Amino acid sequence: MAKKNDSFYWDNFSVCAKAACDAARLLDEIMRNFDPSKIEEAVNAMHEIEQTADEKNHEISDALVSAFITPIEREDIAMLSDCLDAVVDHIEGVLHRIYFTNVQEMRPSALKMSTKIVDACDSMAELIRRLPQFKQSKGLHEAIIAINTVEGDCDTLFIESMRELHTTETDPMAVIAWRDVYTFLEICADSCETVAEMVENIVMKNS
């Protein structure tokens, strides 16, 4: 196999980050214009985005098998690729839970969290965009801080939402369903923070 240029890895990371942004925006749109009769169509649209991220992750994995020289350690490349892919998987996971628990109407607190997920993914994409120039980029640290801030906001919203759910909802099936949805929304924010931590570790190791 021919040696991959450094841009191969950076570009694929960017595609994966964009897929996460696309998935987050699609989820937010679905939740804001929620129509239970169109949920299967929404699931299929989300899966197409998830497949794009999966394909890029596989391309990186395949390239690493025979790569001799890589821009950063191959283990870091593999881990970052997996972390980016996980963000999309978890966003898809939110929609899956809305689907298989048969949610019929959206809760305002869930919309607050979905907005935060969009913000986190946007900051993550900016972080990945700056990664190739991490030794000169002053904005990289700011992107990491932005992701950490959003994750903290989501933690707060998660606690508030779960409290509201368990103190106001009388239908036990609705409680079970929304506990799953809220939990996965919070996991989405956590997964963006994991990417930020991974990038931070890469920068420290290579500076």
N, C-alpha and C. Protein backbone atom coordinates (compact mmCIF):
# COMPACT_ATOMS: atom_id res chain seq x y z
N MET A 1 0.84 -1.19 0.00
CA MET A 1 0.00 0.00 0.00
C MET A 1 0.89 1.25 0.00
N ALA A 2 0.54 2.22 -0.76
CA ALA A 2 1.31 3.45 -0.82
C ALA A 2 1.17 4.21 0.48
N LYS A 3 2.22 4.93 0.83
CA LYS A 3 2.20 5.71 2.05
C LYS A 3 1.12 6.78 1.98
N LYS A 4 0.35 6.88 3.05
CA LYS A 4 -0.69 7.89 3.11
C LYS A 4 -0.06 9.22 3.52
N ASN A 5 -0.47 10.30 2.86
CA ASN A 5 -0.04 11.62 3.29
C ASN A 5 -0.67 11.94 4.63
N ASP A 6 -0.02 12.83 5.37
CA ASP A 6 -0.56 13.22 6.67
C ASP A 6 -1.99 13.74 6.53
N SER A 7 -2.25 14.43 5.43
CA SER A 7 -3.58 15.02 5.22
C SER A 7 -4.68 13.96 5.17
N PHE A 8 -4.31 12.74 4.81
CA PHE A 8 -5.31 11.66 4.77
C PHE A 8 -5.96 11.51 6.15
N TYR A 9 -5.15 11.49 7.18
CA TYR A 9 -5.67 11.30 8.53
C TYR A 9 -6.44 12.54 9.00
N TRP A 10 -5.84 13.71 8.80
CA TRP A 10 -6.51 14.93 9.22
C TRP A 10 -7.85 15.11 8.50
N ASP A 11 -7.85 14.86 7.21
CA ASP A 11 -9.08 15.04 6.42
C ASP A 11 -10.16 14.07 6.87
N ASN A 12 -9.78 12.83 7.14
CA ASN A 12 -10.77 11.85 7.58
C ASN A 12 -11.31 12.19 8.97
N PHE A 13 -10.45 12.71 9.84
CA PHE A 13 -10.93 13.17 11.13
C PHE A 13 -11.97 14.27 10.94
N SER A 14 -11.70 15.18 10.02
CA SER A 14 -12.64 16.29 9.77
C SER A 14 -13.97 15.79 9.23
N VAL A 15 -13.92 14.79 8.36
CA VAL A 15 -15.15 14.22 7.83
C VAL A 15 -15.97 13.59 8.95
N CYS A 16 -15.29 12.89 9.85
CA CYS A 16 -15.98 12.27 10.99
C CYS A 16 -16.59 13.33 11.90
N ALA A 17 -15.85 14.43 12.13
CA ALA A 17 -16.38 15.51 12.97
C ALA A 17 -17.59 16.17 12.31
N LYS A 18 -17.54 16.33 10.98
CA LYS A 18 -18.66 16.90 10.26
C LYS A 18 -19.88 15.98 10.36
N ALA A 19 -19.63 14.67 10.29
CA ALA A 19 -20.73 13.70 10.41
C ALA A 19 -21.40 13.85 11.78
N ALA A 20 -20.60 14.09 12.80
CA ALA A 20 -21.17 14.30 14.13
C ALA A 20 -22.03 15.56 14.16
N CYS A 21 -21.55 16.64 13.53
CA CYS A 21 -22.33 17.88 13.46
C CYS A 21 -23.62 17.66 12.69
N ASP A 22 -23.53 16.94 11.58
CA ASP A 22 -24.74 16.64 10.79
C ASP A 22 -25.74 15.82 11.60
N ALA A 23 -25.22 14.84 12.33
CA ALA A 23 -26.09 13.98 13.14
C ALA A 23 -26.74 14.79 14.26
N ALA A 24 -25.97 15.66 14.90
CA ALA A 24 -26.50 16.48 16.00
C ALA A 24 -27.59 17.42 15.50
N ARG A 25 -27.35 18.03 14.34
CA ARG A 25 -28.35 18.95 13.79
C ARG A 25 -29.61 18.20 13.35
N LEU A 26 -29.42 17.02 12.78
CA LEU A 26 -30.59 16.23 12.38
C LEU A 26 -31.40 15.83 13.61
N LEU A 27 -30.72 15.38 14.67
CA LEU A 27 -31.43 15.00 15.89
C LEU A 27 -32.19 16.19 16.45
N ASP A 28 -31.55 17.34 16.51
CA ASP A 28 -32.19 18.53 17.05
C ASP A 28 -33.41 18.92 16.22
N GLU A 29 -33.28 18.83 14.90
CA GLU A 29 -34.40 19.15 14.01
C GLU A 29 -35.56 18.18 14.21
N ILE A 30 -35.24 16.89 14.31
CA ILE A 30 -36.27 15.87 14.52
C ILE A 30 -37.01 16.11 15.82
N MET A 31 -36.26 16.44 16.86
CA MET A 31 -36.88 16.64 18.17
C MET A 31 -37.70 17.91 18.22
N ARG A 32 -37.26 18.97 17.51
CA ARG A 32 -37.99 20.23 17.53
C ARG A 32 -39.25 20.19 16.67
N ASN A 33 -39.21 19.38 15.63
CA ASN A 33 -40.38 19.24 14.75
C ASN A 33 -40.90 17.80 14.86
N PHE A 34 -41.08 17.37 16.10
CA PHE A 34 -41.32 15.96 16.35
C PHE A 34 -42.65 15.48 15.80
N ASP A 35 -42.54 14.39 15.02
CA ASP A 35 -43.72 13.75 14.42
C ASP A 35 -43.52 12.25 14.54
N PRO A 36 -44.20 11.61 15.50
CA PRO A 36 -44.02 10.17 15.70
C PRO A 36 -44.28 9.33 14.45
N SER A 37 -45.12 9.83 13.55
CA SER A 37 -45.44 9.06 12.34
C SER A 37 -44.26 9.02 11.36
N LYS A 38 -43.27 9.91 11.55
CA LYS A 38 -42.12 9.97 10.64
C LYS A 38 -40.82 9.47 11.29
N ILE A 39 -40.96 8.80 12.43
CA ILE A 39 -39.78 8.42 13.18
C ILE A 39 -38.92 7.39 12.45
N GLU A 40 -39.55 6.45 11.74
CA GLU A 40 -38.77 5.45 11.01
C GLU A 40 -37.96 6.11 9.90
N GLU A 41 -38.55 7.06 9.22
CA GLU A 41 -37.85 7.81 8.18
C GLU A 41 -36.65 8.55 8.78
N ALA A 42 -36.85 9.11 9.96
CA ALA A 42 -35.78 9.83 10.65
C ALA A 42 -34.65 8.89 11.04
N VAL A 43 -35.00 7.71 11.51
CA VAL A 43 -34.00 6.71 11.90
C VAL A 43 -33.14 6.33 10.69
N ASN A 44 -33.77 6.16 9.56
CA ASN A 44 -33.04 5.79 8.34
C ASN A 44 -32.09 6.91 7.91
N ALA A 45 -32.54 8.15 8.00
CA ALA A 45 -31.69 9.29 7.63
C ALA A 45 -30.49 9.39 8.56
N MET A 46 -30.71 9.16 9.84
CA MET A 46 -29.62 9.20 10.81
C MET A 46 -28.62 8.07 10.53
N HIS A 47 -29.12 6.93 10.15
CA HIS A 47 -28.24 5.78 9.91
C HIS A 47 -27.30 6.05 8.73
N GLU A 48 -27.76 6.79 7.75
CA GLU A 48 -26.90 7.13 6.62
C GLU A 48 -25.70 7.97 7.08
N ILE A 49 -25.94 8.89 7.99
CA ILE A 49 -24.85 9.69 8.53
C ILE A 49 -23.90 8.81 9.33
N GLU A 50 -24.45 7.92 10.13
CA GLU A 50 -23.62 7.02 10.94
C GLU A 50 -22.76 6.13 10.06
N GLN A 51 -23.30 5.71 8.93
CA GLN A 51 -22.53 4.87 8.01
C GLN A 51 -21.34 5.62 7.43
N THR A 52 -21.53 6.90 7.15
CA THR A 52 -20.43 7.73 6.64
C THR A 52 -19.28 7.77 7.64
N ALA A 53 -19.61 7.99 8.90
CA ALA A 53 -18.59 8.02 9.94
C ALA A 53 -17.91 6.66 10.08
N ASP A 54 -18.70 5.61 10.02
CA ASP A 54 -18.14 4.25 10.12
C ASP A 54 -17.14 3.97 9.00
N GLU A 55 -17.53 4.36 7.79
CA GLU A 55 -16.66 4.12 6.64
C GLU A 55 -15.32 4.83 6.80
N LYS A 56 -15.34 6.06 7.27
CA LYS A 56 -14.09 6.81 7.47
C LYS A 56 -13.25 6.18 8.57
N ASN A 57 -13.92 5.72 9.60
CA ASN A 57 -13.20 5.04 10.69
C ASN A 57 -12.51 3.78 10.16
N HIS A 58 -13.20 3.03 9.32
CA HIS A 58 -12.62 1.82 8.73
C HIS A 58 -11.46 2.16 7.80
N GLU A 59 -11.60 3.24 7.05
CA GLU A 59 -10.51 3.65 6.16
C GLU A 59 -9.24 3.96 6.94
N ILE A 60 -9.41 4.64 8.05
CA ILE A 60 -8.25 4.95 8.89
C ILE A 60 -7.65 3.68 9.47
N SER A 61 -8.49 2.78 9.94
CA SER A 61 -8.00 1.52 10.50
C SER A 61 -7.24 0.71 9.45
N ASP A 62 -7.77 0.66 8.24
CA ASP A 62 -7.12 -0.09 7.16
C ASP A 62 -5.77 0.53 6.81
N ALA A 63 -5.71 1.87 6.80
CA ALA A 63 -4.46 2.54 6.46
C ALA A 63 -3.39 2.29 7.51
N LEU A 64 -3.81 2.22 8.76
CA LEU A 64 -2.84 2.04 9.85
C LEU A 64 -2.19 0.66 9.85
N VAL A 65 -2.88 -0.31 9.27
CA VAL A 65 -2.34 -1.67 9.24
C VAL A 65 -0.99 -1.72 8.54
N SER A 66 -0.86 -0.97 7.45
CA SER A 66 0.38 -1.01 6.67
C SER A 66 1.18 0.29 6.72
N ALA A 67 0.73 1.25 7.52
CA ALA A 67 1.42 2.53 7.60
C ALA A 67 2.76 2.38 8.29
N PHE A 68 3.78 3.00 7.74
CA PHE A 68 5.12 2.96 8.33
C PHE A 68 5.38 4.24 9.12
N ILE A 69 4.99 5.37 8.53
CA ILE A 69 5.16 6.66 9.19
C ILE A 69 3.79 7.33 9.27
N THR A 70 3.46 7.83 10.45
CA THR A 70 2.19 8.53 10.66
C THR A 70 2.48 9.87 11.33
N PRO A 71 1.60 10.86 11.17
CA PRO A 71 1.86 12.21 11.71
C PRO A 71 1.92 12.25 13.23
N ILE A 72 1.17 11.37 13.88
CA ILE A 72 1.23 11.17 15.33
C ILE A 72 1.22 9.66 15.56
N GLU A 73 1.38 9.22 16.77
CA GLU A 73 1.44 7.79 17.04
C GLU A 73 0.20 7.08 16.52
N ARG A 74 0.41 5.92 15.94
CA ARG A 74 -0.72 5.20 15.32
C ARG A 74 -1.81 4.85 16.33
N GLU A 75 -1.39 4.56 17.58
CA GLU A 75 -2.39 4.25 18.61
C GLU A 75 -3.28 5.46 18.87
N ASP A 76 -2.69 6.64 18.83
CA ASP A 76 -3.47 7.86 19.04
C ASP A 76 -4.43 8.12 17.88
N ILE A 77 -3.95 7.83 16.68
CA ILE A 77 -4.82 7.98 15.51
C ILE A 77 -6.02 7.04 15.62
N ALA A 78 -5.75 5.80 15.97
CA ALA A 78 -6.83 4.81 16.09
C ALA A 78 -7.82 5.20 17.18
N MET A 79 -7.30 5.65 18.32
CA MET A 79 -8.18 6.01 19.43
C MET A 79 -9.01 7.24 19.12
N LEU A 80 -8.39 8.25 18.48
CA LEU A 80 -9.15 9.45 18.13
C LEU A 80 -10.23 9.13 17.11
N SER A 81 -9.89 8.30 16.13
CA SER A 81 -10.87 7.90 15.13
C SER A 81 -12.06 7.19 15.78
N ASP A 82 -11.77 6.29 16.72
CA ASP A 82 -12.83 5.57 17.42
C ASP A 82 -13.68 6.52 18.26
N CYS A 83 -13.03 7.49 18.91
CA CYS A 83 -13.75 8.45 19.74
C CYS A 83 -14.70 9.31 18.90
N LEU A 84 -14.24 9.74 17.74
CA LEU A 84 -15.09 10.52 16.85
C LEU A 84 -16.28 9.70 16.36
N ASP A 85 -16.02 8.46 16.02
CA ASP A 85 -17.08 7.56 15.57
C ASP A 85 -18.11 7.34 16.67
N ALA A 86 -17.63 7.27 17.91
CA ALA A 86 -18.53 7.03 19.04
C ALA A 86 -19.51 8.19 19.23
N VAL A 87 -19.08 9.41 18.93
CA VAL A 87 -19.98 10.56 19.06
C VAL A 87 -21.20 10.36 18.17
N VAL A 88 -20.97 9.98 16.93
CA VAL A 88 -22.08 9.76 15.99
C VAL A 88 -22.93 8.59 16.45
N ASP A 89 -22.29 7.52 16.92
CA ASP A 89 -23.04 6.35 17.40
C ASP A 89 -23.97 6.74 18.55
N HIS A 90 -23.48 7.57 19.46
CA HIS A 90 -24.30 7.94 20.61
C HIS A 90 -25.44 8.87 20.22
N ILE A 91 -25.20 9.76 19.26
CA ILE A 91 -26.29 10.61 18.78
C ILE A 91 -27.36 9.75 18.12
N GLU A 92 -26.93 8.80 17.32
CA GLU A 92 -27.90 7.86 16.73
C GLU A 92 -28.62 7.10 17.83
N GLY A 93 -27.90 6.79 18.90
CA GLY A 93 -28.50 6.06 20.02
C GLY A 93 -29.64 6.81 20.67
N VAL A 94 -29.56 8.15 20.72
CA VAL A 94 -30.67 8.94 21.25
C VAL A 94 -31.92 8.71 20.42
N LEU A 95 -31.77 8.80 19.11
CA LEU A 95 -32.92 8.62 18.22
C LEU A 95 -33.47 7.20 18.31
N HIS A 96 -32.59 6.22 18.43
CA HIS A 96 -33.05 4.84 18.59
C HIS A 96 -33.93 4.70 19.82
N ARG A 97 -33.55 5.36 20.90
CA ARG A 97 -34.34 5.24 22.12
C ARG A 97 -35.67 5.97 22.02
N ILE A 98 -35.69 7.08 21.32
CA ILE A 98 -36.97 7.74 21.05
C ILE A 98 -37.87 6.81 20.23
N TYR A 99 -37.25 6.08 19.32
CA TYR A 99 -37.99 5.17 18.43
C TYR A 99 -38.51 3.94 19.16
N PHE A 100 -37.58 3.19 19.82
CA PHE A 100 -38.04 1.90 20.35
C PHE A 100 -38.78 2.01 21.69
N THR A 101 -38.72 3.16 22.36
CA THR A 101 -39.57 3.36 23.53
C THR A 101 -40.89 4.03 23.15
N ASN A 102 -41.06 4.32 21.86
CA ASN A 102 -42.31 4.84 21.32
C ASN A 102 -42.71 6.18 21.95
N VAL A 103 -41.73 7.08 22.05
CA VAL A 103 -42.02 8.44 22.54
C VAL A 103 -43.03 9.10 21.61
N GLN A 104 -44.02 9.74 22.20
CA GLN A 104 -45.08 10.34 21.40
C GLN A 104 -45.07 11.87 21.40
N GLU A 105 -44.38 12.46 22.37
CA GLU A 105 -44.26 13.90 22.38
C GLU A 105 -42.94 14.29 23.04
N MET A 106 -42.45 15.45 22.66
CA MET A 106 -41.13 15.86 23.10
C MET A 106 -41.23 16.70 24.38
N ARG A 107 -40.24 16.55 25.22
CA ARG A 107 -40.17 17.32 26.46
C ARG A 107 -39.24 18.52 26.25
N PRO A 108 -39.62 19.71 26.73
CA PRO A 108 -38.80 20.91 26.53
C PRO A 108 -37.37 20.75 27.06
N SER A 109 -37.20 20.05 28.14
CA SER A 109 -35.86 19.88 28.70
C SER A 109 -34.96 19.08 27.77
N ALA A 110 -35.55 18.17 27.00
CA ALA A 110 -34.77 17.39 26.04
C ALA A 110 -34.27 18.29 24.91
N LEU A 111 -35.07 19.28 24.54
CA LEU A 111 -34.67 20.21 23.49
C LEU A 111 -33.50 21.08 23.94
N LYS A 112 -33.48 21.44 25.22
CA LYS A 112 -32.35 22.19 25.75
C LYS A 112 -31.07 21.37 25.63
N MET A 113 -31.18 20.09 25.90
CA MET A 113 -30.00 19.22 25.82
C MET A 113 -29.57 19.01 24.38
N SER A 114 -30.54 18.86 23.47
CA SER A 114 -30.18 18.64 22.06
C SER A 114 -29.47 19.86 21.49
N THR A 115 -29.85 21.05 21.94
CA THR A 115 -29.16 22.27 21.51
C THR A 115 -27.71 22.25 21.98
N LYS A 116 -27.50 21.81 23.19
CA LYS A 116 -26.14 21.72 23.74
C LYS A 116 -25.29 20.72 22.97
N ILE A 117 -25.90 19.65 22.52
CA ILE A 117 -25.16 18.64 21.74
C ILE A 117 -24.69 19.24 20.42
N VAL A 118 -25.53 20.05 19.80
CA VAL A 118 -25.13 20.75 18.57
C VAL A 118 -23.93 21.65 18.86
N ASP A 119 -24.01 22.39 19.96
CA ASP A 119 -22.91 23.29 20.33
C ASP A 119 -21.62 22.51 20.57
N ALA A 120 -21.73 21.39 21.26
CA ALA A 120 -20.56 20.57 21.56
C ALA A 120 -19.92 20.03 20.28
N CYS A 121 -20.75 19.59 19.36
CA CYS A 121 -20.22 19.05 18.10
C CYS A 121 -19.58 20.14 17.24
N ASP A 122 -20.16 21.33 17.25
CA ASP A 122 -19.57 22.45 16.51
C ASP A 122 -18.18 22.77 17.07
N SER A 123 -18.06 22.81 18.39
CA SER A 123 -16.76 23.08 19.00
C SER A 123 -15.78 21.94 18.73
N MET A 124 -16.29 20.73 18.71
CA MET A 124 -15.45 19.58 18.42
C MET A 124 -14.92 19.64 16.99
N ALA A 125 -15.77 20.02 16.05
CA ALA A 125 -15.34 20.14 14.65
C ALA A 125 -14.27 21.22 14.50
N GLU A 126 -14.43 22.32 15.24
CA GLU A 126 -13.42 23.38 15.23
C GLU A 126 -12.11 22.87 15.82
N LEU A 127 -12.21 22.09 16.85
CA LEU A 127 -11.02 21.50 17.47
C LEU A 127 -10.28 20.61 16.48
N ILE A 128 -11.00 19.77 15.78
CA ILE A 128 -10.40 18.86 14.81
C ILE A 128 -9.82 19.64 13.63
N ARG A 129 -10.49 20.72 13.25
CA ARG A 129 -9.97 21.55 12.15
C ARG A 129 -8.61 22.14 12.50
N ARG A 130 -8.43 22.49 13.76
CA ARG A 130 -7.19 23.10 14.20
C ARG A 130 -6.10 22.09 14.55
N LEU A 131 -6.46 20.83 14.65
CA LEU A 131 -5.51 19.82 15.11
C LEU A 131 -4.23 19.72 14.28
N PRO A 132 -4.29 19.77 12.94
CA PRO A 132 -3.05 19.64 12.16
C PRO A 132 -2.00 20.71 12.50
N GLN A 133 -2.43 21.87 12.96
CA GLN A 133 -1.50 22.94 13.32
C GLN A 133 -1.46 23.14 14.84
N PHE A 134 -1.55 22.02 15.57
CA PHE A 134 -1.70 22.14 17.02
C PHE A 134 -0.53 22.85 17.69
N LYS A 135 0.64 22.85 17.08
CA LYS A 135 1.78 23.52 17.70
C LYS A 135 1.71 25.03 17.58
N GLN A 136 0.94 25.52 16.61
CA GLN A 136 0.81 26.96 16.42
C GLN A 136 -0.59 27.50 16.73
N SER A 137 -1.55 26.61 16.86
CA SER A 137 -2.94 27.06 16.99
C SER A 137 -3.27 27.51 18.41
N LYS A 138 -3.62 28.78 18.55
CA LYS A 138 -4.04 29.30 19.85
C LYS A 138 -5.51 29.00 20.12
N GLY A 139 -6.26 28.75 19.05
CA GLY A 139 -7.69 28.51 19.21
C GLY A 139 -8.03 27.11 19.65
N LEU A 140 -7.06 26.21 19.60
CA LEU A 140 -7.32 24.82 19.95
C LEU A 140 -7.71 24.69 21.42
N HIS A 141 -6.99 25.38 22.28
CA HIS A 141 -7.30 25.32 23.71
C HIS A 141 -8.68 25.89 23.99
N GLU A 142 -9.03 26.97 23.29
CA GLU A 142 -10.35 27.57 23.48
C GLU A 142 -11.47 26.60 23.09
N ALA A 143 -11.23 25.81 22.04
CA ALA A 143 -12.23 24.83 21.61
C ALA A 143 -12.40 23.74 22.67
N ILE A 144 -11.29 23.34 23.27
CA ILE A 144 -11.36 22.33 24.33
C ILE A 144 -12.17 22.86 25.52
N ILE A 145 -11.91 24.11 25.89
CA ILE A 145 -12.64 24.73 27.00
C ILE A 145 -14.13 24.82 26.67
N ALA A 146 -14.45 25.17 25.42
CA ALA A 146 -15.85 25.28 25.01
C ALA A 146 -16.57 23.94 25.14
N ILE A 147 -15.91 22.86 24.74
CA ILE A 147 -16.51 21.53 24.85
C ILE A 147 -16.70 21.16 26.32
N ASN A 148 -15.70 21.43 27.13
CA ASN A 148 -15.81 21.13 28.56
C ASN A 148 -16.96 21.90 29.20
N THR A 149 -17.13 23.15 28.77
CA THR A 149 -18.21 23.97 29.31
C THR A 149 -19.57 23.41 28.94
N VAL A 150 -19.72 23.02 27.69
CA VAL A 150 -21.00 22.45 27.25
C VAL A 150 -21.29 21.15 27.99
N GLU A 151 -20.24 20.34 28.18
CA GLU A 151 -20.45 19.08 28.90
C GLU A 151 -20.93 19.34 30.32
N GLY A 152 -20.36 20.37 30.96
CA GLY A 152 -20.81 20.73 32.30
C GLY A 152 -22.26 21.21 32.29
N ASP A 153 -22.62 21.98 31.28
CA ASP A 153 -24.01 22.44 31.14
C ASP A 153 -24.96 21.26 30.97
N CYS A 154 -24.53 20.28 30.19
CA CYS A 154 -25.37 19.09 29.97
C CYS A 154 -25.52 18.27 31.24
N ASP A 155 -24.48 18.20 32.03
CA ASP A 155 -24.58 17.51 33.32
C ASP A 155 -25.67 18.15 34.19
N THR A 156 -25.66 19.48 34.22
CA THR A 156 -26.66 20.20 35.02
C THR A 156 -28.06 19.97 34.47
N LEU A 157 -28.20 20.07 33.15
CA LEU A 157 -29.51 19.84 32.52
C LEU A 157 -29.99 18.42 32.74
N PHE A 158 -29.07 17.47 32.71
CA PHE A 158 -29.42 16.06 32.93
C PHE A 158 -30.01 15.88 34.33
N ILE A 159 -29.34 16.42 35.32
CA ILE A 159 -29.83 16.29 36.71
C ILE A 159 -31.19 16.96 36.87
N GLU A 160 -31.32 18.17 36.33
CA GLU A 160 -32.59 18.89 36.42
C GLU A 160 -33.72 18.14 35.70
N SER A 161 -33.39 17.61 34.52
CA SER A 161 -34.40 16.90 33.72
C SER A 161 -34.85 15.62 34.40
N MET A 162 -33.89 14.89 34.96
CA MET A 162 -34.24 13.64 35.64
C MET A 162 -35.06 13.93 36.90
N ARG A 163 -34.73 14.99 37.60
CA ARG A 163 -35.50 15.37 38.78
C ARG A 163 -36.93 15.72 38.39
N GLU A 164 -37.08 16.53 37.37
CA GLU A 164 -38.41 16.92 36.89
C GLU A 164 -39.20 15.70 36.45
N LEU A 165 -38.51 14.80 35.73
CA LEU A 165 -39.18 13.59 35.23
C LEU A 165 -39.75 12.76 36.37
N HIS A 166 -38.93 12.53 37.38
CA HIS A 166 -39.34 11.64 38.47
C HIS A 166 -40.28 12.28 39.47
N THR A 167 -40.41 13.61 39.41
CA THR A 167 -41.33 14.28 40.35
C THR A 167 -42.63 14.73 39.70
N THR A 168 -42.70 14.70 38.37
CA THR A 168 -43.92 15.18 37.71
C THR A 168 -44.59 14.14 36.82
N GLU A 169 -43.84 13.17 36.33
CA GLU A 169 -44.40 12.18 35.41
C GLU A 169 -45.07 11.04 36.19
N THR A 170 -46.31 10.74 35.85
CA THR A 170 -47.06 9.69 36.56
C THR A 170 -47.10 8.38 35.80
N ASP A 171 -46.76 8.40 34.52
CA ASP A 171 -46.77 7.18 33.71
C ASP A 171 -45.41 6.48 33.85
N PRO A 172 -45.36 5.29 34.45
CA PRO A 172 -44.08 4.61 34.65
C PRO A 172 -43.36 4.28 33.35
N MET A 173 -44.11 4.01 32.29
CA MET A 173 -43.48 3.69 31.00
C MET A 173 -42.80 4.93 30.43
N ALA A 174 -43.41 6.08 30.62
CA ALA A 174 -42.81 7.33 30.16
C ALA A 174 -41.53 7.62 30.94
N VAL A 175 -41.55 7.33 32.23
CA VAL A 175 -40.35 7.54 33.05
C VAL A 175 -39.21 6.68 32.53
N ILE A 176 -39.50 5.41 32.26
CA ILE A 176 -38.47 4.49 31.75
C ILE A 176 -37.92 4.99 30.41
N ALA A 177 -38.83 5.40 29.52
CA ALA A 177 -38.42 5.87 28.19
C ALA A 177 -37.54 7.09 28.29
N TRP A 178 -37.97 8.07 29.05
CA TRP A 178 -37.22 9.33 29.10
C TRP A 178 -35.93 9.24 29.89
N ARG A 179 -35.88 8.32 30.84
CA ARG A 179 -34.61 8.08 31.51
C ARG A 179 -33.56 7.64 30.50
N ASP A 180 -33.95 6.77 29.58
CA ASP A 180 -33.03 6.31 28.53
C ASP A 180 -32.63 7.46 27.61
N VAL A 181 -33.59 8.25 27.18
CA VAL A 181 -33.31 9.35 26.25
C VAL A 181 -32.39 10.37 26.90
N TYR A 182 -32.72 10.79 28.11
CA TYR A 182 -31.88 11.77 28.81
C TYR A 182 -30.47 11.24 29.04
N THR A 183 -30.39 9.97 29.41
CA THR A 183 -29.08 9.37 29.67
C THR A 183 -28.22 9.39 28.42
N PHE A 184 -28.81 9.07 27.27
CA PHE A 184 -28.01 9.05 26.04
C PHE A 184 -27.68 10.45 25.56
N LEU A 185 -28.55 11.41 25.80
CA LEU A 185 -28.20 12.79 25.47
C LEU A 185 -26.98 13.23 26.28
N GLU A 186 -26.95 12.86 27.55
CA GLU A 186 -25.81 13.22 28.39
C GLU A 186 -24.55 12.48 27.95
N ILE A 187 -24.72 11.24 27.50
CA ILE A 187 -23.58 10.46 26.99
C ILE A 187 -23.00 11.12 25.74
N CYS A 188 -23.85 11.72 24.92
CA CYS A 188 -23.36 12.43 23.72
C CYS A 188 -22.40 13.54 24.11
N ALA A 189 -22.77 14.31 25.12
CA ALA A 189 -21.89 15.39 25.58
C ALA A 189 -20.60 14.81 26.15
N ASP A 190 -20.72 13.72 26.90
CA ASP A 190 -19.53 13.07 27.45
C ASP A 190 -18.59 12.61 26.34
N SER A 191 -19.16 12.09 25.26
CA SER A 191 -18.32 11.56 24.17
C SER A 191 -17.59 12.68 23.44
N CYS A 192 -18.21 13.87 23.36
CA CYS A 192 -17.51 15.03 22.78
C CYS A 192 -16.35 15.44 23.69
N GLU A 193 -16.58 15.39 24.99
CA GLU A 193 -15.51 15.72 25.92
C GLU A 193 -14.37 14.70 25.84
N THR A 194 -14.71 13.44 25.59
CA THR A 194 -13.68 12.41 25.43
C THR A 194 -12.78 12.74 24.24
N VAL A 195 -13.38 13.22 23.15
CA VAL A 195 -12.58 13.64 21.99
C VAL A 195 -11.65 14.79 22.39
N ALA A 196 -12.18 15.75 23.13
CA ALA A 196 -11.37 16.89 23.56
C ALA A 196 -10.20 16.42 24.43
N GLU A 197 -10.47 15.48 25.32
CA GLU A 197 -9.40 14.95 26.19
C GLU A 197 -8.36 14.20 25.37
N MET A 198 -8.81 13.47 24.37
CA MET A 198 -7.90 12.73 23.51
C MET A 198 -7.00 13.70 22.75
N VAL A 199 -7.58 14.75 22.20
CA VAL A 199 -6.78 15.75 21.48
C VAL A 199 -5.79 16.42 22.43
N GLU A 200 -6.24 16.74 23.63
CA GLU A 200 -5.36 17.36 24.60
C GLU A 200 -4.16 16.48 24.92
N ASN A 201 -4.41 15.17 25.04
CA ASN A 201 -3.33 14.23 25.30
C ASN A 201 -2.35 14.15 24.12
N ILE A 202 -2.90 14.18 22.90
CA ILE A 202 -2.07 14.15 21.71
C ILE A 202 -1.16 15.37 21.66
N VAL A 203 -1.73 16.53 21.96
CA VAL A 203 -0.95 17.76 21.94
C VAL A 203 0.18 17.71 22.96
N MET A 204 -0.13 17.23 24.14
CA MET A 204 0.87 17.16 25.20
C MET A 204 2.01 16.20 24.83
N LYS A 205 1.66 15.09 24.21
CA LYS A 205 2.65 14.08 23.85
C LYS A 205 3.54 14.55 22.70
N ASN A 206 3.02 15.44 21.87
CA ASN A 206 3.75 15.82 20.66
C ASN A 206 4.29 17.26 20.69
N SER A 207 4.22 17.89 21.84
CA SER A 207 4.70 19.27 21.95
C SER A 207 6.09 19.31 22.55
